[in-house]
């Protein structure tokens, strides 16, 4: 199965479940792709413990495991 993200293609074995969830970043003025990418890169280790394998793409996050509840990650960002 192929999933297209903004900058790359992801290949999975046949019948691999992929779950899609909206990504909300607040405050809204932070939502430029490069800023969100930087924030997610800083929090990658923490988020992968919560979500398992995940792939951000724009305002979406794809996971291979279902998420039972809303996940909130608080961080600070300068720049």
Protein backbone atom coordinates (compact mmCIF):
# COMPACT_ATOMS: atom_id res chain seq x y z
CA UNK A 1 0.00 0.00 0.00
CA UNK A 2 1.29 3.48 -0.81
CA UNK A 3 0.59 6.56 1.29
CA UNK A 4 1.69 9.90 -0.06
CA UNK A 5 2.91 12.51 2.39
CA UNK A 6 3.81 16.07 1.40
CA UNK A 7 7.42 15.34 0.50
CA UNK A 8 7.73 11.56 0.28
CA UNK A 9 5.96 8.28 -0.35
CA UNK A 10 5.53 5.64 2.37
CA UNK A 11 5.36 1.97 1.43
CA UNK A 12 3.65 -0.56 3.69
CA UNK A 13 3.03 -4.28 3.41
CA UNK A 14 -0.35 -5.27 2.05
CA UNK A 15 -3.14 -5.10 4.67
CA UNK A 16 -1.11 -2.90 7.02
CA UNK A 17 -3.53 -0.62 8.86
CA UNK A 18 -2.77 3.10 8.67
CA UNK A 19 -4.77 5.51 10.81
CA UNK A 20 -5.13 9.18 9.99
CA UNK A 21 -5.63 11.88 12.63
CA UNK A 22 -5.84 15.67 12.41
CA UNK A 23 -2.93 17.62 13.86
CA UNK A 24 -3.88 20.75 15.75
CA UNK A 25 -1.19 23.23 16.78
CA UNK A 26 -1.97 26.20 18.99
CA UNK A 27 -1.51 29.09 18.84
CA UNK A 28 -2.57 29.18 15.19
CA UNK A 29 0.24 31.50 14.09
CA UNK A 30 2.75 28.68 14.64
CA UNK A 31 1.22 26.60 11.88
CA UNK A 32 3.86 27.03 9.23
CA UNK A 33 5.14 23.69 7.98
CA UNK A 34 8.80 24.36 8.85
CA UNK A 35 7.94 25.41 12.42
CA UNK A 36 5.72 22.38 12.99
CA UNK A 37 8.44 20.13 11.55
CA UNK A 38 10.97 21.63 13.99
CA UNK A 39 8.63 21.15 16.96
CA UNK A 40 7.86 17.54 16.03
CA UNK A 41 11.56 16.81 15.53
CA UNK A 42 12.29 18.11 19.04
CA UNK A 43 9.52 15.96 20.52
CA UNK A 44 10.05 12.87 18.34
CA UNK A 45 11.28 10.56 21.10
CA UNK A 46 8.43 11.55 23.42
CA UNK A 47 5.77 11.28 20.70
CA UNK A 48 6.99 7.92 19.42
CA UNK A 49 6.60 6.51 22.96
CA UNK A 50 2.96 7.62 22.88
CA UNK A 51 2.06 6.98 19.23
CA UNK A 52 4.50 4.29 18.11
CA UNK A 53 5.52 4.78 14.49
CA UNK A 54 3.99 8.01 13.19
CA UNK A 55 4.35 10.17 10.11
CA UNK A 56 3.36 13.84 10.11
CA UNK A 57 2.14 15.35 6.86
CA UNK A 58 0.79 18.87 6.82
CA UNK A 59 -2.11 19.02 9.25
CA UNK A 60 -2.36 15.23 9.56
CA UNK A 61 -0.54 12.50 11.45
CA UNK A 62 -0.56 8.93 10.21
CA UNK A 63 0.00 6.09 12.67
CA UNK A 64 0.10 2.32 12.43
CA UNK A 65 -1.74 2.00 15.76
CA UNK A 66 -5.15 3.41 16.65
CA UNK A 67 -5.14 6.25 19.18
CA UNK A 68 -7.82 5.72 21.82
CA UNK A 69 -7.93 9.30 23.12
CA UNK A 70 -6.77 12.80 22.31
CA UNK A 71 -3.02 13.23 22.72
CA UNK A 72 -1.80 16.65 23.84
CA UNK A 73 1.90 17.48 23.77
CA UNK A 74 2.88 20.80 25.31
CA UNK A 75 6.13 22.45 24.38
CA UNK A 76 7.64 25.88 23.95
CA UNK A 77 9.08 27.19 20.71
CA UNK A 78 11.28 30.21 20.10
CA UNK A 79 11.70 31.63 16.64
